[in-house]
Amino acid sequence: MFGGKLKLELSQLTAFAHLVGGSAGRLVISLAYFVSVANSLSVGDFGLFATASATGIMLSRIAGFGFVSPLYRAATVKRRLVGTYTAGFFAAFLLSLPVVALAAAGFYALVFRPDMTLAAFAAVIAAEVLFWRPLEVACIVNNGLGRFGRAAVMVIVGTAIRAVAAVLFALIGSGALIEWSLAYMAANAVAALVAYAAFYPRIHLRFRPALYLSRWRDSAGVATAEIIFYLQSELDKLLVLSIGGPVVAGLYAMLMRLIDLTALPVRAFNTMMVQRLMRAPEWLAAWRRRWLFEGAIAAVSVAGLAAIGVLLWIAPNALGRNVAGAAPLVATALMVPAFRNIVEYHSEILYARGRTGSRALILALVGLLKAGLLVVILGHADAASTAWIIGLNGLFFVLWLASASATYFTLDWSRLQERQLPGPSLTPAPQPGE
């Protein structure tokens, strides 16, 4: 018995090491990618590209109508059905594309039309929706199968392909936004091709519509929650561009990209947390453990951004001249990654407990709070002032407070209800976050 438990712990430790290794590799490559793009485009064009990319990420959650959830569940508990559910995902993905295109047209007309060509915008959206999202799905399937090492390598290879494209653009490109947008789309296409050719499990596609229809509620709930999550996560970039203009959007995008780097190791922890909660729903019931995990996430996040801030204080041009313009902003936003990454963690543990509907409602609440507070803060936004950046610390603190209160109330209430139900827990198995 002791040997079996030790073997399980070692297996989990190995899986976590693979995830952290993948995050570390991705961190280095992502930094090279960011530096190359941020210093090749003008600050304004970088703001437009980053905002278009964020829009593409949001729209990519419509693609497939959430059918990635039953596909992950099949990979986790019914591996023989992976081929069947993969066929279902491909069918749902194709059916969703007209909806994605319509939504993209609306975003372009409302936000991007004055400053960005339609061709450049369409290329960035295609890169995120048609190519990078399928790569993420391939990674999710491998994680479901327990192939954490393959999933980590796949993401590293995909990110490396984009980084190579960015470095080549920095060396031989003209600095034009349309040129980089097309190169970005091509790099994502190559990454997706490599992911499916080299890393996706060998399967036989079987199309079974009756089986898929039985899963539509789960898929719809997951799609709704995913869209709301990324809407509240990426809406800030759209608001900054709409209110502050491309230059302020560029500075903000650079700052948030540096903050994003601090989330990579945290997401490795989140993935393991999801699977642990699937096996032991009561594992996170104790408040002491809850605060311990949140404190650890906050400490890692703040330390990561502080390290970047120290680097830029010692060598302002270490990440390039354009990024040097955002260097003074790092110290003024030190608490932002802590609160931001914990809110993402809350979303993951709700996923792990199968609380899809509650997760969607909480994310909607967080998104509305974020939008309202951003409008107030951005009233003082300009390229010469950092007061609005300081205000982001308070904004994300409020978001953390709202998210923590709602998340733990939901978890405790659901535990109380489950104890009153006869028989085993009715909580469904979740899919992991990305």
Protein backbone atom coordinates (compact mmCIF):
# COMPACT_ATOMS: atom_id res chain seq x y z
CA MET A 1 0.00 0.00 0.00
CA PHE A 2 2.80 2.37 0.94
CA GLY A 3 4.62 1.48 -2.27
CA GLY A 4 1.51 2.21 -4.35
CA LYS A 5 1.05 5.59 -2.71
CA LEU A 6 4.73 6.44 -3.21
CA LYS A 7 4.48 5.42 -6.85
CA LEU A 8 1.45 7.71 -7.30
CA GLU A 9 3.23 10.64 -5.65
CA LEU A 10 6.32 10.11 -7.83
CA SER A 11 4.12 9.93 -10.92
CA GLN A 12 2.46 13.23 -10.01
CA LEU A 13 5.83 14.81 -9.26
CA THR A 14 7.14 13.67 -12.64
CA ALA A 15 4.07 15.05 -14.39
CA PHE A 16 4.47 18.37 -12.58
CA ALA A 17 8.16 18.47 -13.54
CA HIS A 18 7.18 17.98 -17.18
CA LEU A 19 4.66 20.81 -16.94
CA VAL A 20 7.12 23.14 -15.19
CA GLY A 21 9.82 22.22 -17.70
CA GLY A 22 7.45 23.03 -20.51
CA SER A 23 6.58 26.35 -18.86
CA ALA A 24 10.26 27.22 -18.34
CA GLY A 25 11.10 26.46 -21.95
CA ARG A 26 8.06 28.37 -23.11
CA LEU A 27 9.03 31.31 -20.87
CA VAL A 28 12.44 31.69 -22.52
CA ILE A 29 11.07 31.30 -26.04
CA SER A 30 8.11 33.61 -25.34
CA LEU A 31 10.51 36.28 -24.13
CA ALA A 32 12.52 36.07 -27.36
CA TYR A 33 9.30 36.25 -29.35
CA PHE A 34 8.01 39.25 -27.40
CA VAL A 35 11.28 41.19 -27.64
CA SER A 36 11.53 40.63 -31.40
CA VAL A 37 7.96 41.70 -32.19
CA ALA A 38 7.75 44.59 -29.70
CA ASN A 39 10.92 46.18 -31.06
CA SER A 40 10.24 45.54 -34.75
CA LEU A 41 6.84 47.20 -34.87
CA SER A 42 6.15 50.75 -33.74
CA VAL A 43 4.57 51.08 -30.28
CA GLY A 44 1.21 51.89 -31.87
CA ASP A 45 1.35 48.97 -34.31
CA PHE A 46 2.34 46.62 -31.50
CA GLY A 47 -0.71 47.79 -29.58
CA LEU A 48 -2.92 47.07 -32.59
CA PHE A 49 -1.38 43.63 -33.12
CA ALA A 50 -1.63 42.67 -29.43
CA THR A 51 -5.26 43.82 -29.27
CA ALA A 52 -6.16 41.96 -32.47
CA SER A 53 -4.45 38.85 -31.09
CA ALA A 54 -6.44 39.17 -27.85
CA THR A 55 -9.62 39.45 -29.93
CA GLY A 56 -8.62 36.31 -31.83
CA ILE A 57 -8.07 34.44 -28.57
CA MET A 58 -11.56 35.41 -27.41
CA LEU A 59 -13.12 34.36 -30.71
CA SER A 60 -11.20 31.07 -30.70
CA ARG A 61 -13.31 30.02 -27.71
CA ILE A 62 -16.39 30.12 -29.93
CA ALA A 63 -14.67 27.76 -32.38
CA GLY A 64 -15.86 24.22 -31.77
CA PHE A 65 -18.77 25.38 -29.57
CA GLY A 66 -17.05 23.97 -26.47
CA PHE A 67 -16.78 20.42 -27.81
CA VAL A 68 -13.22 20.28 -26.51
CA SER A 69 -14.77 19.44 -23.11
CA PRO A 70 -16.26 16.04 -24.07
CA LEU A 71 -13.11 15.38 -26.11
CA TYR A 72 -10.99 15.89 -23.00
CA ARG A 73 -13.29 13.74 -20.90
CA ALA A 74 -12.97 10.95 -23.46
CA ALA A 75 -9.17 11.25 -23.40
CA THR A 76 -9.21 11.09 -19.60
CA VAL A 77 -11.63 8.22 -18.91
CA LYS A 78 -12.64 6.60 -22.25
CA ARG A 79 -9.55 6.57 -24.41
CA ARG A 80 -11.05 4.25 -27.01
CA LEU A 81 -13.50 7.07 -27.91
CA VAL A 82 -10.84 9.71 -28.63
CA GLY A 83 -11.19 9.13 -32.39
CA THR A 84 -14.97 9.45 -32.19
CA TYR A 85 -14.88 12.67 -30.20
CA THR A 86 -12.07 14.10 -32.35
CA ALA A 87 -14.35 13.71 -35.37
CA GLY A 88 -17.08 15.48 -33.41
CA PHE A 89 -14.75 18.31 -32.51
CA PHE A 90 -13.70 18.81 -36.14
CA ALA A 91 -17.37 18.90 -37.21
CA ALA A 92 -18.28 21.40 -34.49
CA PHE A 93 -15.23 23.48 -35.38
CA LEU A 94 -16.32 23.79 -39.02
CA LEU A 95 -19.90 24.61 -38.07
CA SER A 96 -18.72 27.37 -35.73
CA LEU A 97 -16.57 29.23 -38.28
CA PRO A 98 -19.41 31.38 -39.77
CA VAL A 99 -20.28 32.55 -36.23
CA VAL A 100 -16.62 33.36 -35.57
CA ALA A 101 -16.38 35.30 -38.85
CA LEU A 102 -19.51 37.32 -38.05
CA ALA A 103 -18.25 38.20 -34.57
CA ALA A 104 -14.83 39.14 -35.98
CA ALA A 105 -16.46 41.48 -38.51
CA GLY A 106 -18.30 43.21 -35.67
CA PHE A 107 -15.11 43.74 -33.65
CA TYR A 108 -13.30 45.10 -36.70
CA ALA A 109 -16.04 47.59 -37.52
CA LEU A 110 -16.38 48.81 -33.93
CA VAL A 111 -12.74 48.95 -32.78
CA PHE A 112 -10.07 48.36 -35.45
CA ARG A 113 -11.30 49.93 -38.68
CA PRO A 114 -9.80 53.42 -38.17
CA ASP A 115 -6.26 52.20 -37.50
CA MET A 116 -5.76 48.67 -38.91
CA THR A 117 -6.26 47.24 -42.39
CA LEU A 118 -8.80 44.46 -42.81
CA ALA A 119 -6.15 42.14 -44.30
CA ALA A 120 -3.86 42.49 -41.27
CA PHE A 121 -6.74 42.01 -38.83
CA ALA A 122 -8.06 38.95 -40.70
CA ALA A 123 -4.60 37.35 -40.76
CA VAL A 124 -4.19 37.70 -36.98
CA ILE A 125 -7.69 36.32 -36.31
CA ALA A 126 -7.05 33.37 -38.64
CA ALA A 127 -3.75 32.67 -36.88
CA GLU A 128 -5.45 32.43 -33.47
CA VAL A 129 -8.68 30.69 -34.47
CA LEU A 130 -7.78 28.38 -37.36
CA PHE A 131 -4.31 27.33 -36.27
CA TRP A 132 -3.32 28.06 -32.66
CA ARG A 133 -6.61 26.95 -31.10
CA PRO A 134 -6.41 23.46 -32.73
CA LEU A 135 -2.84 23.20 -31.39
CA GLU A 136 -4.16 23.96 -27.89
CA VAL A 137 -6.80 21.27 -28.32
CA ALA A 138 -4.11 18.75 -29.28
CA CYS A 139 -2.26 19.73 -26.09
CA ILE A 140 -5.43 19.27 -24.00
CA VAL A 141 -5.99 15.79 -25.46
CA ASN A 142 -2.41 14.77 -24.64
CA ASN A 143 -2.81 16.05 -21.08
CA GLY A 144 -6.02 14.05 -20.77
CA LEU A 145 -4.15 10.93 -21.88
CA GLY A 146 -1.49 11.63 -19.24
CA ARG A 147 1.15 12.47 -21.85
CA PHE A 148 2.29 15.62 -20.09
CA GLY A 149 5.80 15.48 -21.56
CA ARG A 150 4.48 15.32 -25.14
CA ALA A 151 2.04 18.14 -24.44
CA ALA A 152 4.82 20.31 -23.00
CA VAL A 153 7.11 19.63 -25.96
CA MET A 154 4.29 20.39 -28.38
CA VAL A 155 3.65 23.81 -26.89
CA ILE A 156 7.38 24.58 -26.76
CA VAL A 157 7.78 23.63 -30.42
CA GLY A 158 4.77 25.72 -31.44
CA THR A 159 5.98 28.72 -29.46
CA ALA A 160 9.48 28.26 -30.89
CA ILE A 161 8.14 28.34 -34.45
CA ARG A 162 6.42 31.65 -33.71
CA ALA A 163 9.60 32.95 -32.09
CA VAL A 164 11.68 32.02 -35.15
CA ALA A 165 9.20 33.89 -37.34
CA ALA A 166 9.47 36.93 -35.04
CA VAL A 167 13.28 36.89 -35.07
CA LEU A 168 13.34 36.58 -38.88
CA PHE A 169 10.88 39.47 -39.10
CA ALA A 170 13.12 41.56 -36.84
CA LEU A 171 16.14 40.80 -39.03
CA ILE A 172 14.71 41.09 -42.55
CA GLY A 173 11.22 42.56 -42.20
CA SER A 174 10.20 46.08 -43.12
CA GLY A 175 8.43 46.73 -39.81
CA ALA A 176 5.02 46.88 -41.51
CA LEU A 177 2.06 45.55 -39.54
CA ILE A 178 0.55 43.73 -42.53
CA GLU A 179 3.84 41.95 -43.17
CA TRP A 180 4.12 40.73 -39.60
CA SER A 181 0.44 39.70 -39.52
CA LEU A 182 0.92 37.42 -42.54
CA ALA A 183 4.16 36.01 -41.11
CA TYR A 184 2.38 35.36 -37.80
CA MET A 185 -0.43 33.49 -39.56
CA ALA A 186 2.06 31.37 -41.51
CA ALA A 187 4.02 30.50 -38.35
CA ASN A 188 0.86 29.42 -36.53
CA ALA A 189 -0.17 27.28 -39.51
CA VAL A 190 3.19 25.47 -39.46
CA ALA A 191 2.93 24.98 -35.69
CA ALA A 192 -0.54 23.41 -35.99
CA LEU A 193 0.62 21.11 -38.79
CA VAL A 194 3.58 19.90 -36.71
CA ALA A 195 1.35 19.40 -33.64
CA TYR A 196 -1.07 17.08 -35.41
CA ALA A 197 1.51 15.29 -37.54
CA ALA A 198 3.94 14.55 -34.72
CA PHE A 199 2.07 14.71 -31.40
CA TYR A 200 -1.61 13.88 -31.79
CA PRO A 201 -2.49 10.30 -30.79
CA ARG A 202 -2.94 7.85 -33.66
CA ILE A 203 -6.69 7.39 -34.05
CA HIS A 204 -9.42 6.31 -36.44
CA LEU A 205 -12.00 9.04 -36.96
CA ARG A 206 -15.56 7.83 -36.40
CA PHE A 207 -18.48 10.23 -36.86
CA ARG A 208 -21.39 9.53 -34.45
CA PRO A 209 -23.83 12.50 -34.34
CA ALA A 210 -26.21 10.85 -31.85
CA LEU A 211 -23.41 10.58 -29.31
CA TYR A 212 -22.43 14.22 -29.79
CA LEU A 213 -25.98 15.49 -29.30
CA SER A 214 -26.07 13.89 -25.87
CA ARG A 215 -23.15 16.12 -24.87
CA TRP A 216 -24.45 19.44 -26.17
CA ARG A 217 -25.36 20.84 -22.74
CA ASP A 218 -21.86 20.24 -21.42
CA SER A 219 -20.32 21.73 -24.56
CA ALA A 220 -22.56 24.81 -24.49
CA GLY A 221 -21.78 25.43 -20.82
CA VAL A 222 -18.05 25.09 -21.38
CA ALA A 223 -18.12 27.36 -24.45
CA THR A 224 -20.07 30.03 -22.55
CA ALA A 225 -17.70 29.92 -19.60
CA GLU A 226 -14.63 30.01 -21.87
CA ILE A 227 -15.94 32.98 -23.85
CA ILE A 228 -16.78 34.90 -20.68
CA PHE A 229 -13.41 34.03 -19.14
CA TYR A 230 -11.42 35.33 -22.10
CA LEU A 231 -13.74 38.28 -22.57
CA GLN A 232 -13.06 39.47 -19.03
CA SER A 233 -9.38 38.57 -19.44
CA GLU A 234 -8.79 40.36 -22.76
CA LEU A 235 -11.44 43.09 -22.70
CA ASP A 236 -8.98 45.49 -21.11
CA LYS A 237 -6.88 45.61 -24.29
CA LEU A 238 -9.92 46.52 -26.38
CA LEU A 239 -10.94 49.25 -23.94
CA VAL A 240 -7.43 50.70 -23.79
CA LEU A 241 -7.27 50.84 -27.60
CA SER A 242 -10.75 52.37 -27.88
CA ILE A 243 -10.21 55.02 -25.19
CA GLY A 244 -6.45 55.63 -25.11
CA GLY A 245 -5.49 55.03 -28.74
CA PRO A 246 -2.81 52.81 -30.32
CA VAL A 247 0.22 54.23 -28.45
CA VAL A 248 -1.29 53.84 -24.98
CA ALA A 249 -2.56 50.42 -26.08
CA GLY A 250 0.99 49.53 -27.11
CA LEU A 251 2.47 50.51 -23.74
CA TYR A 252 -0.29 48.66 -21.94
CA ALA A 253 0.17 45.56 -24.12
CA MET A 254 3.91 45.51 -23.36
CA LEU A 255 3.26 45.74 -19.63
CA MET A 256 0.60 43.04 -19.70
CA ARG A 257 2.81 40.79 -21.80
CA LEU A 258 5.50 41.01 -19.13
CA ILE A 259 2.84 40.20 -16.53
CA ASP A 260 1.66 37.25 -18.67
CA LEU A 261 5.14 35.73 -18.38
CA THR A 262 4.66 35.41 -14.60
CA ALA A 263 1.56 33.24 -15.19
CA LEU A 264 3.36 30.44 -17.05
CA PRO A 265 4.65 28.54 -13.97
CA VAL A 266 1.32 29.18 -12.19
CA ARG A 267 -0.59 27.50 -15.02
CA ALA A 268 1.52 24.36 -14.62
CA PHE A 269 0.38 24.24 -10.99
CA ASN A 270 -3.24 24.87 -12.05
CA THR A 271 -3.20 21.89 -14.40
CA MET A 272 -2.08 19.54 -11.62
CA MET A 273 -4.58 21.13 -9.22
CA VAL A 274 -7.45 20.37 -11.59
CA GLN A 275 -6.57 16.69 -11.83
CA ARG A 276 -6.00 16.39 -8.06
CA LEU A 277 -9.43 17.88 -7.35
CA MET A 278 -11.00 15.51 -9.86
CA ARG A 279 -9.70 12.60 -7.79
CA ALA A 280 -10.23 14.14 -4.32
CA PRO A 281 -12.99 16.80 -4.28
CA GLU A 282 -12.52 17.50 -0.55
CA TRP A 283 -8.81 18.24 -0.92
CA LEU A 284 -9.32 22.02 -1.02
CA ALA A 285 -11.95 22.23 1.72
CA ALA A 286 -9.61 23.55 4.43
CA TRP A 287 -9.15 27.32 4.53
CA ARG A 288 -5.54 26.95 5.63
CA ARG A 289 -4.73 25.11 2.40
CA ARG A 290 -6.69 27.63 0.33
CA TRP A 291 -4.76 30.60 1.71
CA LEU A 292 -1.47 28.71 1.43
CA PHE A 293 -1.99 28.13 -2.29
CA GLU A 294 -3.15 31.70 -2.94
CA GLY A 295 -0.18 33.07 -1.01
CA ALA A 296 2.21 30.89 -2.99
CA ILE A 297 0.71 32.01 -6.30
CA ALA A 298 0.93 35.66 -5.23
CA ALA A 299 4.55 35.28 -4.09
CA VAL A 300 5.67 33.59 -7.31
CA SER A 301 3.82 36.16 -9.43
CA VAL A 302 5.20 39.23 -7.64
CA ALA A 303 8.71 37.77 -7.56
CA GLY A 304 8.55 37.14 -11.31
CA LEU A 305 7.54 40.69 -12.18
CA ALA A 306 10.00 42.12 -9.63
CA ALA A 307 12.82 40.19 -11.29
CA ILE A 308 11.84 41.66 -14.66
CA GLY A 309 11.67 45.11 -13.05
CA VAL A 310 15.17 44.77 -11.55
CA LEU A 311 16.54 43.66 -14.93
CA LEU A 312 15.02 46.68 -16.67
CA TRP A 313 16.23 49.01 -13.88
CA ILE A 314 19.80 47.78 -14.29
CA ALA A 315 19.66 47.61 -18.09
CA PRO A 316 16.65 49.52 -19.47
CA ASN A 317 17.39 48.44 -23.06
CA ALA A 318 17.82 44.75 -22.18
CA LEU A 319 14.51 43.93 -23.87
CA GLY A 320 14.86 46.52 -26.63
CA ARG A 321 14.29 50.22 -27.03
CA ASN A 322 10.51 50.07 -27.39
CA VAL A 323 10.14 47.91 -24.27
CA ALA A 324 12.42 50.35 -22.42
CA GLY A 325 9.58 52.87 -22.71
CA ALA A 326 7.40 50.54 -20.65
CA ALA A 327 10.16 49.74 -18.12
CA PRO A 328 9.16 52.44 -15.57
CA LEU A 329 5.63 51.01 -15.54
CA VAL A 330 6.72 47.64 -14.15
CA ALA A 331 7.40 48.86 -10.61
CA THR A 332 4.05 50.67 -10.47
CA ALA A 333 2.08 47.49 -11.28
CA LEU A 334 3.85 45.06 -8.96
CA MET A 335 0.69 43.61 -7.38
CA VAL A 336 -1.24 43.20 -10.64
CA PRO A 337 0.14 39.71 -11.52
CA ALA A 338 -0.59 38.40 -8.02
CA PHE A 339 -4.30 39.28 -8.09
CA ARG A 340 -4.66 38.48 -11.80
CA ASN A 341 -3.14 35.01 -11.54
CA ILE A 342 -5.18 34.14 -8.45
CA VAL A 343 -8.41 35.06 -10.28
CA GLU A 344 -7.36 32.64 -13.03
CA TYR A 345 -6.67 30.00 -10.37
CA HIS A 346 -10.19 30.49 -8.99
CA SER A 347 -11.58 29.79 -12.44
CA GLU A 348 -9.57 26.58 -12.66
CA ILE A 349 -10.73 25.16 -9.34
CA LEU A 350 -14.36 25.83 -10.28
CA TYR A 351 -13.66 23.90 -13.47
CA ALA A 352 -12.17 21.10 -11.41
CA ARG A 353 -15.34 20.82 -9.32
CA GLY A 354 -17.57 20.83 -12.41
CA ARG A 355 -19.25 24.15 -11.50
CA THR A 356 -19.48 25.36 -15.09
CA GLY A 357 -22.58 27.51 -14.63
CA SER A 358 -21.31 29.16 -11.45
CA ARG A 359 -17.95 29.71 -13.11
CA ALA A 360 -19.59 31.53 -16.00
CA LEU A 361 -21.60 33.76 -13.67
CA ILE A 362 -18.57 34.62 -11.53
CA LEU A 363 -16.48 35.39 -14.60
CA ALA A 364 -19.26 37.61 -15.92
CA LEU A 365 -19.30 39.49 -12.61
CA VAL A 366 -15.51 39.90 -12.70
CA GLY A 367 -15.68 41.05 -16.32
CA LEU A 368 -18.31 43.69 -15.62
CA LEU A 369 -16.34 45.00 -12.64
CA LYS A 370 -13.19 45.10 -14.72
CA ALA A 371 -14.84 46.99 -17.57
CA GLY A 372 -16.45 49.57 -15.29
CA LEU A 373 -13.30 50.24 -13.27
CA LEU A 374 -11.15 50.40 -16.42
CA VAL A 375 -13.38 53.08 -17.94
CA VAL A 376 -12.88 55.17 -14.79
CA ILE A 377 -9.10 54.62 -14.70
CA LEU A 378 -8.59 55.17 -18.43
CA GLY A 379 -10.13 58.63 -18.13
CA HIS A 380 -6.62 59.66 -16.97
CA ALA A 381 -4.68 57.57 -19.48
CA ASP A 382 -2.04 59.09 -21.73
CA ALA A 383 1.44 58.13 -22.86
CA ALA A 384 3.06 60.69 -20.51
CA SER A 385 1.32 59.66 -17.27
CA THR A 386 1.61 56.49 -15.17
CA ALA A 387 -1.17 57.30 -12.69
CA TRP A 388 -3.60 55.01 -14.49
CA ILE A 389 -1.09 52.13 -14.26
CA ILE A 390 -0.90 52.56 -10.48
CA GLY A 391 -4.69 52.34 -10.39
CA LEU A 392 -4.51 48.87 -11.94
CA ASN A 393 -3.25 47.47 -8.62
CA GLY A 394 -6.48 48.56 -6.93
CA LEU A 395 -8.57 47.36 -9.86
CA PHE A 396 -7.18 43.82 -9.74
CA PHE A 397 -7.44 43.77 -5.94
CA VAL A 398 -11.18 44.40 -6.26
CA LEU A 399 -11.42 41.66 -8.89
CA TRP A 400 -9.59 39.22 -6.59
CA LEU A 401 -11.85 40.10 -3.66
CA ALA A 402 -15.01 39.55 -5.72
CA SER A 403 -13.70 36.34 -7.30
CA ALA A 404 -12.46 34.82 -4.02
CA SER A 405 -15.69 35.57 -2.18
CA ALA A 406 -17.91 34.13 -4.92
CA THR A 407 -15.66 31.12 -5.66
CA TYR A 408 -15.28 29.85 -2.10
CA PHE A 409 -18.94 30.49 -1.29
CA THR A 410 -19.85 28.38 -4.36
CA LEU A 411 -17.48 25.57 -3.39
CA ASP A 412 -18.65 25.45 0.22
CA TRP A 413 -22.32 25.61 -0.75
CA SER A 414 -21.91 22.82 -3.29
CA ARG A 415 -20.10 20.65 -0.70
CA LEU A 416 -22.99 21.16 1.72
CA GLN A 417 -25.52 20.16 -0.93
CA GLU A 418 -23.54 17.08 -1.95
CA ARG A 419 -23.39 15.87 1.66
CA GLN A 420 -27.18 16.02 1.80
CA LEU A 421 -27.58 13.95 -1.38
CA PRO A 422 -27.85 10.17 -1.08
CA GLY A 423 -25.27 8.05 -2.88
CA PRO A 424 -22.07 9.17 -4.58
CA SER A 425 -21.25 12.73 -5.59
CA LEU A 426 -23.01 13.98 -8.69
CA THR A 427 -20.18 16.36 -9.58
CA PRO A 428 -19.11 15.76 -13.20
CA ALA A 429 -15.48 15.52 -14.19
CA PRO A 430 -14.11 18.78 -15.63
CA GLN A 431 -11.70 19.60 -18.41
CA PRO A 432 -8.50 21.40 -17.37
CA GLY A 433 -7.83 25.09 -18.01
CA GLU A 434 -5.04 26.19 -20.63
